[in-house]
């Protein structure tokens, strides 16, 4: 496997060139598996989660959920409100995953983001956020900052 710097160069080049075939490739997603807590990889994850020209948002959301990285709260909040039309379900799964990721972070800023999502005009997102808030105490063992 390639070293971290080479993987980062490939992923950042794909981001710069808006190359979905490279982003959607397992090599870039492997970067998040192996080095997800590296600040450069987290920054790349935010940029890719915000990008609308590839189809790996769910995988990125999953990695961010596993990492429980508080630096990603704003990106997860934005992704919770986005529509991903390429998904069979219109992007519902990724929006649900982002609310789970916020809940799994478990700090006050994540709680506040979920509160804001409860006021969303998208009823599904509001319900997802409400469910995570309703289970906040019960799900404490899952949280990074319990």
N, C-alpha and C. Protein backbone atom coordinates (compact mmCIF):
# COMPACT_ATOMS: atom_id res chain seq x y z
N UNK A 1 0.84 -1.18 0.00
CA UNK A 1 0.00 0.00 0.00
C UNK A 1 0.89 1.25 0.00
N UNK A 2 0.37 2.30 -0.53
CA UNK A 2 1.10 3.56 -0.62
C UNK A 2 1.23 4.21 0.75
N UNK A 3 2.27 5.04 0.91
CA UNK A 3 2.43 5.73 2.19
C UNK A 3 1.40 6.86 2.32
N UNK A 4 1.27 7.40 3.52
CA UNK A 4 0.25 8.40 3.81
C UNK A 4 0.38 9.63 2.93
N UNK A 5 1.58 10.14 2.78
CA UNK A 5 1.77 11.35 1.97
C UNK A 5 1.34 11.14 0.52
N UNK A 6 1.65 9.99 -0.04
CA UNK A 6 1.26 9.69 -1.42
C UNK A 6 -0.26 9.56 -1.52
N UNK A 7 -0.87 8.86 -0.56
CA UNK A 7 -2.33 8.74 -0.56
C UNK A 7 -3.00 10.11 -0.45
N UNK A 8 -2.46 10.96 0.41
CA UNK A 8 -3.01 12.31 0.55
C UNK A 8 -2.86 13.11 -0.73
N UNK A 9 -1.73 12.96 -1.38
CA UNK A 9 -1.52 13.68 -2.65
C UNK A 9 -2.55 13.23 -3.68
N UNK A 10 -2.77 11.93 -3.80
CA UNK A 10 -3.75 11.40 -4.76
C UNK A 10 -5.15 11.92 -4.43
N UNK A 11 -5.53 11.84 -3.17
CA UNK A 11 -6.87 12.27 -2.77
C UNK A 11 -7.06 13.77 -2.96
N UNK A 12 -6.07 14.56 -2.60
CA UNK A 12 -6.17 16.02 -2.78
C UNK A 12 -6.17 16.40 -4.26
N UNK A 13 -5.41 15.67 -5.06
CA UNK A 13 -5.43 15.92 -6.50
C UNK A 13 -6.81 15.59 -7.07
N UNK A 14 -7.40 14.50 -6.61
CA UNK A 14 -8.76 14.13 -7.05
C UNK A 14 -9.76 15.20 -6.65
N UNK A 15 -9.60 15.74 -5.45
CA UNK A 15 -10.48 16.82 -4.99
C UNK A 15 -10.31 18.05 -5.86
N UNK A 16 -9.08 18.41 -6.13
CA UNK A 16 -8.80 19.60 -6.95
C UNK A 16 -9.33 19.44 -8.37
N UNK A 17 -9.16 18.23 -8.94
CA UNK A 17 -9.61 17.98 -10.32
C UNK A 17 -11.07 17.55 -10.40
N UNK A 18 -11.71 17.41 -9.24
CA UNK A 18 -13.11 16.94 -9.19
C UNK A 18 -13.24 15.62 -9.95
N UNK A 19 -12.45 14.66 -9.53
CA UNK A 19 -12.38 13.36 -10.20
C UNK A 19 -13.13 12.31 -9.38
N UNK A 20 -14.42 12.11 -9.67
CA UNK A 20 -15.20 11.17 -8.85
C UNK A 20 -14.71 9.74 -8.92
N UNK A 21 -14.15 9.33 -10.06
CA UNK A 21 -13.67 7.96 -10.18
C UNK A 21 -12.55 7.68 -9.19
N UNK A 22 -11.73 8.67 -8.90
CA UNK A 22 -10.64 8.48 -7.94
C UNK A 22 -11.17 8.55 -6.51
N UNK A 23 -12.06 9.49 -6.23
CA UNK A 23 -12.61 9.61 -4.89
C UNK A 23 -13.41 8.37 -4.52
N UNK A 24 -14.17 7.85 -5.47
CA UNK A 24 -15.00 6.68 -5.21
C UNK A 24 -14.20 5.39 -5.17
N UNK A 25 -12.93 5.47 -5.51
CA UNK A 25 -12.06 4.30 -5.49
C UNK A 25 -11.74 3.91 -4.05
N UNK A 26 -11.56 2.64 -3.83
CA UNK A 26 -11.29 2.13 -2.49
C UNK A 26 -10.00 2.70 -1.90
N UNK A 27 -9.05 3.10 -2.73
CA UNK A 27 -7.78 3.63 -2.24
C UNK A 27 -8.00 4.88 -1.39
N UNK A 28 -8.84 5.79 -1.85
CA UNK A 28 -9.09 7.01 -1.09
C UNK A 28 -9.85 6.69 0.19
N UNK A 29 -10.83 5.79 0.10
CA UNK A 29 -11.58 5.43 1.30
C UNK A 29 -10.70 4.68 2.29
N UNK A 30 -9.73 3.92 1.79
CA UNK A 30 -8.77 3.23 2.66
C UNK A 30 -7.98 4.24 3.49
N UNK A 31 -7.72 5.38 2.92
CA UNK A 31 -7.01 6.45 3.63
C UNK A 31 -7.72 6.79 4.93
N UNK A 32 -9.05 6.84 4.88
CA UNK A 32 -9.82 7.16 6.08
C UNK A 32 -9.81 6.01 7.08
N UNK A 33 -9.78 4.77 6.57
CA UNK A 33 -9.70 3.61 7.46
C UNK A 33 -8.39 3.62 8.25
N UNK A 34 -7.31 3.88 7.56
CA UNK A 34 -5.98 3.76 8.16
C UNK A 34 -5.49 5.01 8.90
N UNK A 35 -5.88 6.18 8.42
CA UNK A 35 -5.31 7.42 8.95
C UNK A 35 -6.37 8.47 9.27
N UNK A 36 -7.57 8.03 9.59
CA UNK A 36 -8.70 8.94 9.77
C UNK A 36 -8.51 10.01 10.81
N UNK A 37 -7.71 9.77 11.82
CA UNK A 37 -7.54 10.77 12.88
C UNK A 37 -6.45 11.80 12.56
N UNK A 38 -5.73 11.61 11.48
CA UNK A 38 -4.73 12.59 11.06
C UNK A 38 -5.46 13.87 10.66
N UNK A 39 -5.05 15.03 11.18
CA UNK A 39 -5.76 16.28 10.86
C UNK A 39 -5.87 16.57 9.37
N UNK A 40 -4.87 16.18 8.59
CA UNK A 40 -4.94 16.40 7.14
C UNK A 40 -6.01 15.53 6.50
N UNK A 41 -6.18 14.34 7.01
CA UNK A 41 -7.20 13.44 6.49
C UNK A 41 -8.59 13.92 6.92
N UNK A 42 -8.71 14.40 8.15
CA UNK A 42 -9.98 14.95 8.61
C UNK A 42 -10.39 16.15 7.78
N UNK A 43 -9.44 17.01 7.47
CA UNK A 43 -9.71 18.18 6.63
C UNK A 43 -10.17 17.75 5.23
N UNK A 44 -9.52 16.75 4.70
CA UNK A 44 -9.90 16.21 3.39
C UNK A 44 -11.31 15.63 3.46
N UNK A 45 -11.62 14.94 4.55
CA UNK A 45 -12.95 14.37 4.73
C UNK A 45 -14.04 15.42 4.70
N UNK A 46 -13.79 16.57 5.31
CA UNK A 46 -14.77 17.67 5.29
C UNK A 46 -14.97 18.15 3.87
N UNK A 47 -13.87 18.39 3.17
CA UNK A 47 -13.97 18.89 1.80
C UNK A 47 -14.72 17.90 0.91
N UNK A 48 -14.45 16.62 1.07
CA UNK A 48 -15.12 15.62 0.24
C UNK A 48 -16.59 15.45 0.64
N UNK A 49 -16.90 15.59 1.92
CA UNK A 49 -18.30 15.49 2.36
C UNK A 49 -19.11 16.66 1.79
N UNK A 50 -18.47 17.82 1.66
CA UNK A 50 -19.14 19.00 1.11
C UNK A 50 -19.24 18.98 -0.42
N UNK A 51 -18.40 18.17 -1.07
CA UNK A 51 -18.38 18.14 -2.54
C UNK A 51 -19.61 17.41 -3.08
N UNK A 52 -20.15 17.92 -4.17
CA UNK A 52 -21.37 17.31 -4.72
C UNK A 52 -21.12 16.53 -6.02
N UNK A 53 -19.89 16.31 -6.39
CA UNK A 53 -19.58 15.71 -7.69
C UNK A 53 -19.11 14.25 -7.59
N UNK A 54 -19.19 13.63 -6.43
CA UNK A 54 -18.82 12.21 -6.31
C UNK A 54 -19.95 11.47 -5.60
N UNK A 55 -19.79 10.18 -5.39
CA UNK A 55 -20.85 9.37 -4.80
C UNK A 55 -20.38 8.57 -3.59
N UNK A 56 -19.47 9.14 -2.80
CA UNK A 56 -18.93 8.42 -1.64
C UNK A 56 -19.32 9.08 -0.32
N UNK A 57 -20.38 9.87 -0.32
CA UNK A 57 -20.76 10.58 0.89
C UNK A 57 -21.12 9.64 2.04
N UNK A 58 -21.82 8.57 1.74
CA UNK A 58 -22.21 7.65 2.81
C UNK A 58 -20.98 7.01 3.45
N UNK A 59 -20.02 6.60 2.63
CA UNK A 59 -18.80 6.01 3.18
C UNK A 59 -18.03 7.02 4.01
N UNK A 60 -17.96 8.25 3.53
CA UNK A 60 -17.28 9.30 4.30
C UNK A 60 -18.01 9.55 5.62
N UNK A 61 -19.33 9.61 5.56
CA UNK A 61 -20.11 9.80 6.78
C UNK A 61 -19.89 8.67 7.77
N UNK A 62 -19.77 7.45 7.24
CA UNK A 62 -19.53 6.30 8.10
C UNK A 62 -18.17 6.42 8.80
N UNK A 63 -17.16 6.82 8.06
CA UNK A 63 -15.83 7.00 8.66
C UNK A 63 -15.85 8.11 9.71
N UNK A 64 -16.54 9.20 9.40
CA UNK A 64 -16.61 10.29 10.36
C UNK A 64 -17.40 9.86 11.60
N UNK A 65 -18.38 9.01 11.43
CA UNK A 65 -19.11 8.50 12.59
C UNK A 65 -18.19 7.65 13.46
N UNK A 66 -17.42 6.77 12.85
CA UNK A 66 -16.51 5.92 13.61
C UNK A 66 -15.47 6.74 14.36
N UNK A 67 -15.00 7.81 13.72
CA UNK A 67 -13.96 8.63 14.34
C UNK A 67 -14.47 9.47 15.50
N UNK A 68 -15.74 9.83 15.46
CA UNK A 68 -16.34 10.67 16.50
C UNK A 68 -15.52 11.95 16.69
N UNK A 69 -15.16 12.56 15.59
CA UNK A 69 -14.27 13.73 15.59
C UNK A 69 -15.07 15.02 15.78
N UNK A 70 -14.89 15.70 16.90
CA UNK A 70 -15.65 16.93 17.14
C UNK A 70 -15.33 18.04 16.14
N UNK A 71 -14.19 17.97 15.49
CA UNK A 71 -13.83 18.99 14.48
C UNK A 71 -14.76 18.92 13.27
N UNK A 72 -15.52 17.85 13.13
CA UNK A 72 -16.36 17.65 11.96
C UNK A 72 -17.83 17.97 12.19
N UNK A 73 -18.16 18.57 13.30
CA UNK A 73 -19.56 18.84 13.63
C UNK A 73 -20.23 19.68 12.55
N UNK A 74 -19.60 20.77 12.13
CA UNK A 74 -20.22 21.64 11.13
C UNK A 74 -20.43 20.92 9.80
N UNK A 75 -19.45 20.10 9.40
CA UNK A 75 -19.58 19.36 8.14
C UNK A 75 -20.70 18.33 8.24
N UNK A 76 -20.82 17.66 9.37
CA UNK A 76 -21.89 16.69 9.55
C UNK A 76 -23.26 17.38 9.59
N UNK A 77 -23.30 18.54 10.20
CA UNK A 77 -24.55 19.32 10.22
C UNK A 77 -24.98 19.67 8.79
N UNK A 78 -24.03 20.19 8.00
CA UNK A 78 -24.35 20.56 6.61
C UNK A 78 -24.79 19.34 5.81
N UNK A 79 -24.08 18.22 5.99
CA UNK A 79 -24.42 17.00 5.24
C UNK A 79 -25.80 16.47 5.65
N UNK A 80 -26.21 16.72 6.87
CA UNK A 80 -27.53 16.29 7.33
C UNK A 80 -28.64 17.00 6.58
N UNK A 81 -28.35 18.16 6.04
CA UNK A 81 -29.37 18.96 5.36
C UNK A 81 -29.29 18.86 3.83
N UNK A 82 -28.28 18.17 3.33
CA UNK A 82 -28.11 18.08 1.87
C UNK A 82 -28.91 16.94 1.29
N UNK A 83 -29.20 17.07 0.02
CA UNK A 83 -29.86 16.01 -0.72
C UNK A 83 -28.85 15.36 -1.65
N UNK A 84 -28.83 14.06 -1.65
CA UNK A 84 -27.92 13.29 -2.49
C UNK A 84 -28.78 12.47 -3.45
N UNK A 85 -29.12 13.04 -4.59
CA UNK A 85 -30.07 12.38 -5.49
C UNK A 85 -29.58 11.07 -6.09
N UNK A 86 -28.29 10.81 -6.07
CA UNK A 86 -27.80 9.57 -6.66
C UNK A 86 -28.12 8.36 -5.79
N UNK A 87 -28.48 8.56 -4.54
CA UNK A 87 -28.84 7.44 -3.67
C UNK A 87 -30.23 6.93 -4.02
N UNK A 88 -30.41 5.64 -3.89
CA UNK A 88 -31.71 5.03 -4.17
C UNK A 88 -32.81 5.62 -3.29
N UNK A 89 -32.43 6.13 -2.12
CA UNK A 89 -33.42 6.64 -1.18
C UNK A 89 -33.43 8.17 -1.12
N UNK A 90 -32.80 8.81 -2.12
CA UNK A 90 -32.76 10.28 -2.13
C UNK A 90 -31.82 10.87 -1.10
N UNK A 91 -30.97 10.06 -0.51
CA UNK A 91 -29.99 10.56 0.45
C UNK A 91 -30.44 10.47 1.89
N UNK A 92 -31.52 9.77 2.14
CA UNK A 92 -32.02 9.66 3.52
C UNK A 92 -31.00 8.96 4.41
N UNK A 93 -30.39 7.90 3.92
CA UNK A 93 -29.46 7.12 4.74
C UNK A 93 -28.27 7.96 5.19
N UNK A 94 -27.71 8.76 4.29
CA UNK A 94 -26.56 9.59 4.67
C UNK A 94 -26.98 10.66 5.68
N UNK A 95 -28.16 11.21 5.51
CA UNK A 95 -28.62 12.22 6.47
C UNK A 95 -28.84 11.58 7.84
N UNK A 96 -29.38 10.37 7.86
CA UNK A 96 -29.54 9.65 9.13
C UNK A 96 -28.17 9.37 9.75
N UNK A 97 -27.23 8.91 8.91
CA UNK A 97 -25.90 8.60 9.42
C UNK A 97 -25.24 9.83 10.04
N UNK A 98 -25.44 10.98 9.42
CA UNK A 98 -24.83 12.20 9.96
C UNK A 98 -25.42 12.57 11.32
N UNK A 99 -26.72 12.33 11.51
CA UNK A 99 -27.28 12.61 12.84
C UNK A 99 -26.73 11.62 13.87
N UNK A 100 -26.55 10.37 13.46
CA UNK A 100 -25.91 9.40 14.36
C UNK A 100 -24.48 9.84 14.69
N UNK A 101 -23.76 10.29 13.68
CA UNK A 101 -22.37 10.72 13.90
C UNK A 101 -22.32 11.88 14.89
N UNK A 102 -23.23 12.82 14.74
CA UNK A 102 -23.28 13.93 15.70
C UNK A 102 -23.56 13.41 17.11
N UNK A 103 -24.52 12.51 17.23
CA UNK A 103 -24.85 11.95 18.55
C UNK A 103 -23.66 11.19 19.13
N UNK A 104 -22.92 10.48 18.27
CA UNK A 104 -21.79 9.70 18.76
C UNK A 104 -20.62 10.57 19.21
N UNK A 105 -20.52 11.78 18.70
CA UNK A 105 -19.49 12.68 19.19
C UNK A 105 -19.79 12.99 20.65
N UNK A 106 -21.03 13.38 20.92
CA UNK A 106 -21.49 13.45 22.30
C UNK A 106 -21.11 14.68 23.10
N UNK A 107 -20.58 15.71 22.48
CA UNK A 107 -20.27 16.91 23.26
C UNK A 107 -21.38 17.96 23.09
N UNK A 108 -21.23 19.09 23.77
CA UNK A 108 -22.27 20.11 23.76
C UNK A 108 -22.51 20.67 22.35
N UNK A 109 -21.44 20.86 21.59
CA UNK A 109 -21.59 21.41 20.24
C UNK A 109 -22.38 20.44 19.35
N UNK A 110 -22.15 19.15 19.49
CA UNK A 110 -22.91 18.16 18.73
C UNK A 110 -24.37 18.15 19.17
N UNK A 111 -24.60 18.26 20.46
CA UNK A 111 -25.97 18.33 20.99
C UNK A 111 -26.68 19.55 20.41
N UNK A 112 -25.99 20.70 20.39
CA UNK A 112 -26.58 21.93 19.85
C UNK A 112 -26.88 21.79 18.35
N UNK A 113 -26.00 21.12 17.61
CA UNK A 113 -26.25 20.90 16.18
C UNK A 113 -27.50 20.05 15.98
N UNK A 114 -27.67 19.03 16.80
CA UNK A 114 -28.88 18.20 16.72
C UNK A 114 -30.12 19.01 17.07
N UNK A 115 -30.01 19.88 18.06
CA UNK A 115 -31.15 20.76 18.39
C UNK A 115 -31.53 21.62 17.19
N UNK A 116 -30.53 22.19 16.52
CA UNK A 116 -30.81 23.00 15.33
C UNK A 116 -31.46 22.16 14.23
N UNK A 117 -31.01 20.92 14.08
CA UNK A 117 -31.60 20.04 13.06
C UNK A 117 -33.05 19.69 13.39
N UNK A 118 -33.40 19.68 14.66
CA UNK A 118 -34.80 19.43 15.03
C UNK A 118 -35.73 20.50 14.45
N UNK A 119 -35.19 21.67 14.18
CA UNK A 119 -35.98 22.74 13.60
C UNK A 119 -35.95 22.77 12.08
N UNK A 120 -35.38 21.75 11.47
CA UNK A 120 -35.25 21.71 10.01
C UNK A 120 -36.63 21.63 9.36
N UNK A 121 -36.73 22.24 8.19
CA UNK A 121 -37.97 22.12 7.40
C UNK A 121 -38.09 20.74 6.76
N UNK A 122 -36.97 20.01 6.70
CA UNK A 122 -37.00 18.63 6.22
C UNK A 122 -37.47 17.76 7.39
N UNK A 123 -38.68 17.28 7.30
CA UNK A 123 -39.28 16.53 8.40
C UNK A 123 -38.47 15.30 8.78
N UNK A 124 -37.93 14.59 7.80
CA UNK A 124 -37.13 13.39 8.07
C UNK A 124 -35.90 13.72 8.90
N UNK A 125 -35.20 14.78 8.50
CA UNK A 125 -33.99 15.17 9.23
C UNK A 125 -34.37 15.59 10.66
N UNK A 126 -35.43 16.36 10.80
CA UNK A 126 -35.87 16.79 12.12
C UNK A 126 -36.20 15.57 13.00
N UNK A 127 -36.84 14.57 12.42
CA UNK A 127 -37.16 13.36 13.19
C UNK A 127 -35.91 12.56 13.54
N UNK A 128 -34.97 12.46 12.60
CA UNK A 128 -33.71 11.77 12.90
C UNK A 128 -33.01 12.45 14.08
N UNK A 129 -32.92 13.77 14.02
CA UNK A 129 -32.24 14.53 15.08
C UNK A 129 -32.98 14.37 16.41
N UNK A 130 -34.30 14.46 16.36
CA UNK A 130 -35.10 14.31 17.59
C UNK A 130 -34.85 12.93 18.22
N UNK A 131 -34.81 11.91 17.39
CA UNK A 131 -34.58 10.55 17.90
C UNK A 131 -33.23 10.44 18.59
N UNK A 132 -32.20 11.08 18.00
CA UNK A 132 -30.87 11.03 18.62
C UNK A 132 -30.85 11.81 19.94
N UNK A 133 -31.57 12.91 20.00
CA UNK A 133 -31.63 13.66 21.26
C UNK A 133 -32.42 12.89 22.31
N UNK A 134 -33.50 12.27 21.89
CA UNK A 134 -34.32 11.49 22.82
C UNK A 134 -33.50 10.35 23.43
N UNK A 135 -32.60 9.77 22.67
CA UNK A 135 -31.77 8.68 23.17
C UNK A 135 -30.42 9.11 23.71
N UNK A 136 -30.21 10.41 23.86
CA UNK A 136 -28.90 10.95 24.24
C UNK A 136 -28.32 10.27 25.48
N UNK A 137 -29.08 10.19 26.54
CA UNK A 137 -28.56 9.60 27.78
C UNK A 137 -28.44 8.08 27.67
N UNK A 138 -29.40 7.44 27.04
CA UNK A 138 -29.37 5.99 26.89
C UNK A 138 -28.18 5.55 26.04
N UNK A 139 -27.78 6.39 25.09
CA UNK A 139 -26.69 6.04 24.17
C UNK A 139 -25.32 6.54 24.66
N UNK A 140 -25.22 6.94 25.91
CA UNK A 140 -23.96 7.47 26.45
C UNK A 140 -22.74 6.59 26.18
N UNK A 141 -22.85 5.27 26.30
CA UNK A 141 -21.65 4.44 26.06
C UNK A 141 -21.08 4.58 24.65
N UNK A 142 -21.89 4.98 23.68
CA UNK A 142 -21.43 5.14 22.30
C UNK A 142 -20.64 6.43 22.10
N UNK A 143 -20.84 7.38 22.97
CA UNK A 143 -20.33 8.73 22.76
C UNK A 143 -18.85 8.86 23.08
N UNK A 144 -18.20 9.70 22.29
CA UNK A 144 -16.78 9.95 22.55
C UNK A 144 -16.62 10.75 23.81
N UNK A 145 -17.47 11.75 24.02
CA UNK A 145 -17.36 12.62 25.18
C UNK A 145 -18.53 12.36 26.12
N UNK A 146 -18.58 11.17 26.69
CA UNK A 146 -19.70 10.82 27.58
C UNK A 146 -19.47 11.40 28.96
